[in-house]
């Protein structure tokens, strides 16, 4: 992928976030979108070597639209200023609506790659399942968090959207209570790219996803029961 071209385009889009500019520069967008689709295809192939669940993920379905949903947003800018994709076994455009861990990455106009994995703001039935799984498999969760690759690349789960008190029915003294209080379960990191070395991009993304694999596999084992779905 031509990283310098993408970086320049996204910078200009951020400065001219309006439909006339976007339409005028649509040929540039189409070329970059095609290149990004090929990049996602390569990332899926590399990730599929260690996680067969995403081996047949459809790259076109994995890529997010550049259009923003502004219906209920204060920010009415029509376009995102990044290219992004999420890899999931179900090939869902927005896996968070039904639940289940995903691998995610995006490229922005600041020369940065952002990537991570997990479940961001999962729906209620998945949130309950994950919290219960932390109690029922406390040792497995501890092992996933302490895996060498995950700690080196991400540190730990992002502390975002946290309850002030433990959710109802959970022991406030449980070893994982601070994680149980979270509303999102995602590991995340930012990397400054060498825009002159696009060949390093796929190994970098796939390597980061591999470091998150223990957490992804642990999350997949969190089963939703009928009580979760009915609540």
C-alpha atoms as a PDB file:
ATOM      1  CA  UNK A   1       0.000   0.000   0.000  1.00  0.00           C
ATOM      2  CA  UNK A   2       1.204   3.535  -0.783  1.00  0.00           C
ATOM      3  CA  UNK A   3       1.295   4.801   2.793  1.00  0.00           C
ATOM      4  CA  UNK A   4       2.435   8.300   1.905  1.00  0.00           C
ATOM      5  CA  UNK A   5      -0.442   8.723  -0.534  1.00  0.00           C
ATOM      6  CA  UNK A   6      -2.946   7.459   2.038  1.00  0.00           C
ATOM      7  CA  UNK A   7      -1.484   9.652   4.758  1.00  0.00           C
ATOM      8  CA  UNK A   8      -1.642  12.730   2.539  1.00  0.00           C
ATOM      9  CA  UNK A   9      -5.189  11.982   1.447  1.00  0.00           C
ATOM     10  CA  UNK A  10      -6.433  11.533   5.021  1.00  0.00           C
ATOM     11  CA  UNK A  11      -4.731  14.762   6.120  1.00  0.00           C
ATOM     12  CA  UNK A  12      -6.468  16.657   3.327  1.00  0.00           C
ATOM     13  CA  UNK A  13      -9.786  14.978   4.088  1.00  0.00           C
ATOM     14  CA  UNK A  14      -9.529  16.065   7.721  1.00  0.00           C
ATOM     15  CA  UNK A  15      -8.991  19.657   6.570  1.00  0.00           C
ATOM     16  CA  UNK A  16     -11.754  19.514   3.925  1.00  0.00           C
ATOM     17  CA  UNK A  17     -14.352  17.249   5.486  1.00  0.00           C
ATOM     18  CA  UNK A  18     -17.222  18.008   3.155  1.00  0.00           C
ATOM     19  CA  UNK A  19     -19.007  16.327   0.285  1.00  0.00           C
ATOM     20  CA  UNK A  20     -17.826  18.597  -2.571  1.00  0.00           C
ATOM     21  CA  UNK A  21     -14.158  17.943  -1.724  1.00  0.00           C
ATOM     22  CA  UNK A  22     -14.800  14.221  -1.313  1.00  0.00           C
ATOM     23  CA  UNK A  23     -16.573  13.954  -4.683  1.00  0.00           C
ATOM     24  CA  UNK A  24     -13.831  15.920  -6.427  1.00  0.00           C
ATOM     25  CA  UNK A  25     -11.206  13.559  -4.965  1.00  0.00           C
ATOM     26  CA  UNK A  26     -13.226  10.374  -5.415  1.00  0.00           C
ATOM     27  CA  UNK A  27     -10.737   8.847  -7.908  1.00  0.00           C
ATOM     28  CA  UNK A  28      -8.005   9.108  -5.279  1.00  0.00           C
ATOM     29  CA  UNK A  29     -10.265   7.522  -2.692  1.00  0.00           C
ATOM     30  CA  UNK A  30     -11.177   4.638  -5.008  1.00  0.00           C
ATOM     31  CA  UNK A  31      -7.531   3.776  -5.655  1.00  0.00           C
ATOM     32  CA  UNK A  32      -6.619   3.946  -1.963  1.00  0.00           C
ATOM     33  CA  UNK A  33      -9.686   1.915  -1.003  1.00  0.00           C
ATOM     34  CA  UNK A  34      -8.647  -0.798  -3.456  1.00  0.00           C
ATOM     35  CA  UNK A  35      -5.139  -0.823  -2.011  1.00  0.00           C
ATOM     36  CA  UNK A  36      -6.526  -0.970   1.519  1.00  0.00           C
ATOM     37  CA  UNK A  37      -8.719  -3.934   0.554  1.00  0.00           C
ATOM     38  CA  UNK A  38      -5.601  -5.757  -0.625  1.00  0.00           C
ATOM     39  CA  UNK A  39      -3.866  -4.862   2.646  1.00  0.00           C
ATOM     40  CA  UNK A  40      -6.774  -6.272   4.665  1.00  0.00           C
ATOM     41  CA  UNK A  41      -6.706  -9.418   2.503  1.00  0.00           C
ATOM     42  CA  UNK A  42      -3.032  -9.915   3.346  1.00  0.00           C
ATOM     43  CA  UNK A  43      -3.621  -9.270   7.060  1.00  0.00           C
ATOM     44  CA  UNK A  44      -6.418 -11.866   7.079  1.00  0.00           C
ATOM     45  CA  UNK A  45      -4.146 -14.402   5.392  1.00  0.00           C
ATOM     46  CA  UNK A  46      -1.342 -13.835   7.918  1.00  0.00           C
ATOM     47  CA  UNK A  47      -3.705 -13.824  10.907  1.00  0.00           C
ATOM     48  CA  UNK A  48      -5.372 -16.993   9.639  1.00  0.00           C
ATOM     49  CA  UNK A  49      -2.071 -18.831   9.997  1.00  0.00           C
ATOM     50  CA  UNK A  50      -2.380 -18.739  13.797  1.00  0.00           C
ATOM     51  CA  UNK A  51      -6.138 -18.154  14.175  1.00  0.00           C
ATOM     52  CA  UNK A  52      -8.169 -20.299  11.794  1.00  0.00           C
ATOM     53  CA  UNK A  53     -11.398 -18.685  13.012  1.00  0.00           C
ATOM     54  CA  UNK A  54     -10.718 -15.637  10.831  1.00  0.00           C
ATOM     55  CA  UNK A  55      -9.011 -17.431   7.957  1.00  0.00           C
ATOM     56  CA  UNK A  56     -12.010 -17.011   5.653  1.00  0.00           C
ATOM     57  CA  UNK A  57     -13.064 -13.554   6.784  1.00  0.00           C
ATOM     58  CA  UNK A  58     -14.333 -11.510   3.835  1.00  0.00           C
ATOM     59  CA  UNK A  59     -12.059  -8.452   3.472  1.00  0.00           C
ATOM     60  CA  UNK A  60     -14.779  -6.329   1.881  1.00  0.00           C
ATOM     61  CA  UNK A  61     -17.092  -6.986   4.813  1.00  0.00           C
ATOM     62  CA  UNK A  62     -14.261  -6.401   7.279  1.00  0.00           C
ATOM     63  CA  UNK A  63     -13.643  -2.847   6.066  1.00  0.00           C
ATOM     64  CA  UNK A  64     -15.627  -0.043   7.685  1.00  0.00           C
ATOM     65  CA  UNK A  65     -17.315   2.606   5.567  1.00  0.00           C
ATOM     66  CA  UNK A  66     -15.648   5.993   5.477  1.00  0.00           C
ATOM     67  CA  UNK A  67     -19.029   7.689   5.935  1.00  0.00           C
ATOM     68  CA  UNK A  68     -19.850   8.687   9.490  1.00  0.00           C
ATOM     69  CA  UNK A  69     -23.264   8.106  11.045  1.00  0.00           C
ATOM     70  CA  UNK A  70     -24.201  11.660  11.980  1.00  0.00           C
ATOM     71  CA  UNK A  71     -27.892  11.144  12.725  1.00  0.00           C
ATOM     72  CA  UNK A  72     -27.520  11.507  16.493  1.00  0.00           C
ATOM     73  CA  UNK A  73     -24.032  13.055  16.635  1.00  0.00           C
ATOM     74  CA  UNK A  74     -23.079  16.585  17.582  1.00  0.00           C
ATOM     75  CA  UNK A  75     -20.150  16.288  15.192  1.00  0.00           C
ATOM     76  CA  UNK A  76     -21.730  16.542  11.739  1.00  0.00           C
ATOM     77  CA  UNK A  77     -18.595  15.977   9.683  1.00  0.00           C
ATOM     78  CA  UNK A  78     -19.651  13.433   7.034  1.00  0.00           C
ATOM     79  CA  UNK A  79     -16.438  11.398   6.742  1.00  0.00           C
ATOM     80  CA  UNK A  80     -14.026   9.557   8.990  1.00  0.00           C
ATOM     81  CA  UNK A  81     -10.400  10.591   8.755  1.00  0.00           C
ATOM     82  CA  UNK A  82      -9.066   7.045   8.888  1.00  0.00           C
ATOM     83  CA  UNK A  83      -9.221   3.726   7.035  1.00  0.00           C
ATOM     84  CA  UNK A  84     -10.214   0.873   9.356  1.00  0.00           C
ATOM     85  CA  UNK A  85     -11.125  -2.805   9.414  1.00  0.00           C
ATOM     86  CA  UNK A  86     -12.268  -5.450  11.913  1.00  0.00           C
ATOM     87  CA  UNK A  87     -11.616  -9.180  11.564  1.00  0.00           C
ATOM     88  CA  UNK A  88     -14.201 -11.541  13.031  1.00  0.00           C
ATOM     89  CA  UNK A  89     -15.212 -15.161  12.361  1.00  0.00           C
ATOM     90  CA  UNK A  90     -18.798 -14.137  11.613  1.00  0.00           C
ATOM     91  CA  UNK A  91     -17.823 -11.653   8.895  1.00  0.00           C
ATOM     92  CA  UNK A  92     -20.132  -9.119  10.499  1.00  0.00           C
ATOM     93  CA  UNK A  93     -19.685  -5.473   9.488  1.00  0.00           C
ATOM     94  CA  UNK A  94     -20.238  -4.472  13.111  1.00  0.00           C
ATOM     95  CA  UNK A  95     -19.448  -7.528  15.265  1.00  0.00           C
ATOM     96  CA  UNK A  96     -20.079  -5.603  18.498  1.00  0.00           C
ATOM     97  CA  UNK A  97     -23.827  -5.642  17.818  1.00  0.00           C
ATOM     98  CA  UNK A  98     -24.039  -9.418  18.234  1.00  0.00           C
ATOM     99  CA  UNK A  99     -20.952  -9.919  20.358  1.00  0.00           C
ATOM    100  CA  UNK A 100     -17.692 -11.781  20.164  1.00  0.00           C
ATOM    101  CA  UNK A 101     -14.069 -10.641  20.053  1.00  0.00           C
ATOM    102  CA  UNK A 102     -12.605  -8.977  16.970  1.00  0.00           C
ATOM    103  CA  UNK A 103      -9.222  -7.859  15.745  1.00  0.00           C
ATOM    104  CA  UNK A 104      -9.217  -4.201  14.708  1.00  0.00           C
ATOM    105  CA  UNK A 105      -6.795  -1.817  13.049  1.00  0.00           C
ATOM    106  CA  UNK A 106      -6.863   1.624  11.490  1.00  0.00           C
ATOM    107  CA  UNK A 107      -4.547   3.989   9.656  1.00  0.00           C
ATOM    108  CA  UNK A 108      -4.897   7.733  10.193  1.00  0.00           C
ATOM    109  CA  UNK A 109      -3.491  10.887   8.647  1.00  0.00           C
ATOM    110  CA  UNK A 110      -0.879  11.363  11.374  1.00  0.00           C
ATOM    111  CA  UNK A 111       1.328   8.520  10.170  1.00  0.00           C
ATOM    112  CA  UNK A 112      -0.015   6.208  12.853  1.00  0.00           C
ATOM    113  CA  UNK A 113      -1.211   2.644  12.940  1.00  0.00           C
ATOM    114  CA  UNK A 114      -3.636   1.805  15.740  1.00  0.00           C
ATOM    115  CA  UNK A 115      -4.486  -1.820  16.399  1.00  0.00           C
ATOM    116  CA  UNK A 116      -5.971  -4.046  19.061  1.00  0.00           C
ATOM    117  CA  UNK A 117      -8.421  -6.800  19.882  1.00  0.00           C
ATOM    118  CA  UNK A 118     -11.284  -7.664  22.185  1.00  0.00           C
ATOM    119  CA  UNK A 119     -14.878  -6.534  22.589  1.00  0.00           C
ATOM    120  CA  UNK A 120     -15.545  -2.803  22.588  1.00  0.00           C
ATOM    121  CA  UNK A 121     -18.788  -1.853  24.353  1.00  0.00           C
ATOM    122  CA  UNK A 122     -20.320  -5.321  23.903  1.00  0.00           C
ATOM    123  CA  UNK A 123     -24.116  -5.675  23.982  1.00  0.00           C
ATOM    124  CA  UNK A 124     -25.675  -6.531  27.380  1.00  0.00           C
ATOM    125  CA  UNK A 125     -25.865 -10.290  26.821  1.00  0.00           C
ATOM    126  CA  UNK A 126     -22.149 -10.462  25.963  1.00  0.00           C
ATOM    127  CA  UNK A 127     -21.214  -8.153  28.813  1.00  0.00           C
ATOM    128  CA  UNK A 128     -22.937 -10.464  31.301  1.00  0.00           C
ATOM    129  CA  UNK A 129     -21.325 -13.531  29.727  1.00  0.00           C
ATOM    130  CA  UNK A 130     -17.829 -12.035  29.906  1.00  0.00           C
ATOM    131  CA  UNK A 131     -18.226 -10.931  33.512  1.00  0.00           C
ATOM    132  CA  UNK A 132     -19.520 -14.343  34.517  1.00  0.00           C
ATOM    133  CA  UNK A 133     -16.654 -15.993  32.619  1.00  0.00           C
ATOM    134  CA  UNK A 134     -14.147 -13.979  34.679  1.00  0.00           C
ATOM    135  CA  UNK A 135     -15.597 -15.550  37.800  1.00  0.00           C
ATOM    136  CA  UNK A 136     -15.964 -19.075  36.446  1.00  0.00           C
ATOM    137  CA  UNK A 137     -12.537 -19.121  34.788  1.00  0.00           C
ATOM    138  CA  UNK A 138     -10.557 -16.701  36.919  1.00  0.00           C
ATOM    139  CA  UNK A 139      -7.317 -18.605  36.378  1.00  0.00           C
ATOM    140  CA  UNK A 140      -7.761 -18.638  32.605  1.00  0.00           C
ATOM    141  CA  UNK A 141      -8.406 -14.903  32.525  1.00  0.00           C
ATOM    142  CA  UNK A 142      -5.343 -14.274  34.674  1.00  0.00           C
ATOM    143  CA  UNK A 143      -3.237 -16.421  32.339  1.00  0.00           C
ATOM    144  CA  UNK A 144      -4.475 -14.551  29.247  1.00  0.00           C
ATOM    145  CA  UNK A 145      -3.729 -11.154  30.778  1.00  0.00           C
ATOM    146  CA  UNK A 146      -0.258 -12.261  31.859  1.00  0.00           C
ATOM    147  CA  UNK A 147       0.755 -13.762  28.523  1.00  0.00           C
ATOM    148  CA  UNK A 148       4.133 -12.388  27.524  1.00  0.00           C
ATOM    149  CA  UNK A 149       3.137 -11.020  24.119  1.00  0.00           C
ATOM    150  CA  UNK A 150      -0.006  -9.288  25.319  1.00  0.00           C
ATOM    151  CA  UNK A 151       1.748  -7.565  28.203  1.00  0.00           C
ATOM    152  CA  UNK A 152       4.672  -6.472  26.015  1.00  0.00           C
ATOM    153  CA  UNK A 153       2.530  -5.077  23.196  1.00  0.00           C
ATOM    154  CA  UNK A 154      -0.552  -3.771  24.994  1.00  0.00           C
ATOM    155  CA  UNK A 155       0.057  -3.728  28.722  1.00  0.00           C
ATOM    156  CA  UNK A 156      -3.449  -4.641  29.824  1.00  0.00           C
ATOM    157  CA  UNK A 157      -7.121  -4.058  29.009  1.00  0.00           C
ATOM    158  CA  UNK A 158      -7.999  -0.405  28.472  1.00  0.00           C
ATOM    159  CA  UNK A 159      -9.619   1.210  31.502  1.00  0.00           C
ATOM    160  CA  UNK A 160     -12.582   2.766  29.679  1.00  0.00           C
ATOM    161  CA  UNK A 161     -16.266   2.970  30.621  1.00  0.00           C
ATOM    162  CA  UNK A 162     -15.853   1.620  34.151  1.00  0.00           C
ATOM    163  CA  UNK A 163     -18.588   1.304  36.766  1.00  0.00           C
ATOM    164  CA  UNK A 164     -17.956   2.984  40.105  1.00  0.00           C
ATOM    165  CA  UNK A 165     -19.336  -0.023  41.957  1.00  0.00           C
ATOM    166  CA  UNK A 166     -19.369  -3.752  41.211  1.00  0.00           C
ATOM    167  CA  UNK A 167     -22.322  -4.900  39.114  1.00  0.00           C
ATOM    168  CA  UNK A 168     -25.125  -6.571  41.020  1.00  0.00           C
ATOM    169  CA  UNK A 169     -24.442 -10.176  41.974  1.00  0.00           C
ATOM    170  CA  UNK A 170     -20.633 -10.006  41.859  1.00  0.00           C
ATOM    171  CA  UNK A 171     -18.343 -10.321  44.864  1.00  0.00           C
ATOM    172  CA  UNK A 172     -16.635  -6.951  45.480  1.00  0.00           C
ATOM    173  CA  UNK A 173     -13.616  -8.859  46.811  1.00  0.00           C
ATOM    174  CA  UNK A 174     -13.134 -10.984  43.694  1.00  0.00           C
ATOM    175  CA  UNK A 175      -9.581 -10.840  42.318  1.00  0.00           C
ATOM    176  CA  UNK A 176     -10.833  -9.551  38.945  1.00  0.00           C
ATOM    177  CA  UNK A 177     -13.440  -7.134  40.268  1.00  0.00           C
ATOM    178  CA  UNK A 178     -11.767  -4.085  38.682  1.00  0.00           C
ATOM    179  CA  UNK A 179     -12.049  -5.783  35.292  1.00  0.00           C
ATOM    180  CA  UNK A 180     -15.581  -6.998  36.018  1.00  0.00           C
ATOM    181  CA  UNK A 181     -16.597  -3.356  36.492  1.00  0.00           C
ATOM    182  CA  UNK A 182     -15.488  -2.500  32.946  1.00  0.00           C
ATOM    183  CA  UNK A 183     -17.976  -1.969  30.123  1.00  0.00           C
ATOM    184  CA  UNK A 184     -15.407  -2.685  27.403  1.00  0.00           C
ATOM    185  CA  UNK A 185     -12.731  -5.349  27.161  1.00  0.00           C
ATOM    186  CA  UNK A 186     -10.175  -4.211  24.619  1.00  0.00           C
ATOM    187  CA  UNK A 187      -6.391  -4.076  24.337  1.00  0.00           C
ATOM    188  CA  UNK A 188      -5.038  -1.274  22.190  1.00  0.00           C
ATOM    189  CA  UNK A 189      -1.821   0.377  21.083  1.00  0.00           C
ATOM    190  CA  UNK A 190      -0.574   3.093  18.695  1.00  0.00           C
ATOM    191  CA  UNK A 191       2.519   2.825  16.509  1.00  0.00           C
ATOM    192  CA  UNK A 192       4.238   5.569  14.517  1.00  0.00           C
ATOM    193  CA  UNK A 193       4.836   4.229  11.012  1.00  0.00           C
ATOM    194  CA  UNK A 194       7.752   4.542   8.659  1.00  0.00           C
ATOM    195  CA  UNK A 195       5.807   5.738   5.613  1.00  0.00           C
ATOM    196  CA  UNK A 196       8.695   4.679   3.396  1.00  0.00           C
ATOM    197  CA  UNK A 197       8.446   1.033   4.485  1.00  0.00           C
ATOM    198  CA  UNK A 198       4.970  -0.258   3.579  1.00  0.00           C
ATOM    199  CA  UNK A 199       6.234  -3.869   3.475  1.00  0.00           C
ATOM    200  CA  UNK A 200       6.556  -3.830   7.266  1.00  0.00           C
ATOM    201  CA  UNK A 201       2.858  -3.074   7.741  1.00  0.00           C
ATOM    202  CA  UNK A 202       1.295  -6.540   7.378  1.00  0.00           C
ATOM    203  CA  UNK A 203       3.806  -8.327   9.676  1.00  0.00           C
ATOM    204  CA  UNK A 204       3.394  -5.551  12.242  1.00  0.00           C
ATOM    205  CA  UNK A 205      -0.408  -5.809  12.314  1.00  0.00           C
ATOM    206  CA  UNK A 206      -0.521  -9.612  12.234  1.00  0.00           C
ATOM    207  CA  UNK A 207       2.165  -9.806  14.919  1.00  0.00           C
ATOM    208  CA  UNK A 208       0.132  -7.520  17.148  1.00  0.00           C
ATOM    209  CA  UNK A 209      -2.964  -9.652  16.600  1.00  0.00           C
ATOM    210  CA  UNK A 210      -0.993 -12.778  17.514  1.00  0.00           C
ATOM    211  CA  UNK A 211       0.046 -11.159  20.792  1.00  0.00           C
ATOM    212  CA  UNK A 212      -3.659 -10.629  21.578  1.00  0.00           C
ATOM    213  CA  UNK A 213      -4.629 -14.214  20.671  1.00  0.00           C
ATOM    214  CA  UNK A 214      -4.711 -15.563  24.267  1.00  0.00           C
ATOM    215  CA  UNK A 215      -7.277 -12.932  25.250  1.00  0.00           C
ATOM    216  CA  UNK A 216      -9.317 -13.451  22.072  1.00  0.00           C
ATOM    217  CA  UNK A 217      -9.465 -17.207  22.649  1.00  0.00           C
ATOM    218  CA  UNK A 218     -10.446 -16.731  26.282  1.00  0.00           C
ATOM    219  CA  UNK A 219     -13.271 -14.384  25.245  1.00  0.00           C
ATOM    220  CA  UNK A 220     -14.578 -16.854  22.672  1.00  0.00           C
ATOM    221  CA  UNK A 221     -15.029 -19.373  25.459  1.00  0.00           C
ATOM    222  CA  UNK A 222     -17.476 -17.031  27.243  1.00  0.00           C
ATOM    223  CA  UNK A 223     -20.810 -18.610  26.370  1.00  0.00           C
ATOM    224  CA  UNK A 224     -24.091 -16.730  26.335  1.00  0.00           C
ATOM    225  CA  UNK A 225     -26.888 -18.698  28.030  1.00  0.00           C
ATOM    226  CA  UNK A 226     -30.642 -18.349  27.592  1.00  0.00           C
ATOM    227  CA  UNK A 227     -30.925 -16.156  30.684  1.00  0.00           C
ATOM    228  CA  UNK A 228     -28.429 -13.664  29.181  1.00  0.00           C
ATOM    229  CA  UNK A 229     -30.314 -13.485  25.885  1.00  0.00           C
ATOM    230  CA  UNK A 230     -33.702 -13.065  27.576  1.00  0.00           C
ATOM    231  CA  UNK A 231     -32.555 -10.299  29.936  1.00  0.00           C
END
